[in-house]
Amino acid sequence: TPIIYEPNKPCRRENVSDSTRDFRKRQALKAARKARGRYHRDRYAENRLFEEQTRFMNEEQKVKEKAKAMLDYFQTTYERDLFATRCQPPENMQRKSNKVLYDRMWGGSRQNMLHSVNKKNL
């Protein structure tokens, strides 16, 4: 590079000195190292936050699944109990469905004194 002469000033060149170049190089390396460290710290923080959120969502999902399983269990138990009570015999005597013959106890003859035709005679 050419030498620059100016009046009342020392001679100089337009290029950068070796010490300045080395200083800037070291600064760039330090900045790159800091940027890498910052990048990795941010990644670790994001991963930690993601794992925490995932754990929380999984716990919530487990609670929901458990509640659904309990609801299904109690619903089926209730339905089975209803079905079982319907299948049980009635507690009191039910009337016969044929209203005309609801007091007829057997298919006996009309001459029998207990037949419904002869009831008014008793």
Foldseek 3Di string as FASTA:
>chain_A
DDWDDDPPDDIDDPDDDPVVVVVVVVVVVVVVVVVVVVVVVVVVVVVVVVVVVVVVVVVVVVVVVVVVVVVVVVVVVVVVVVVVVVPDDDPDDDFDPPVVCRVADDPDDPPDCPGPVNVVVD
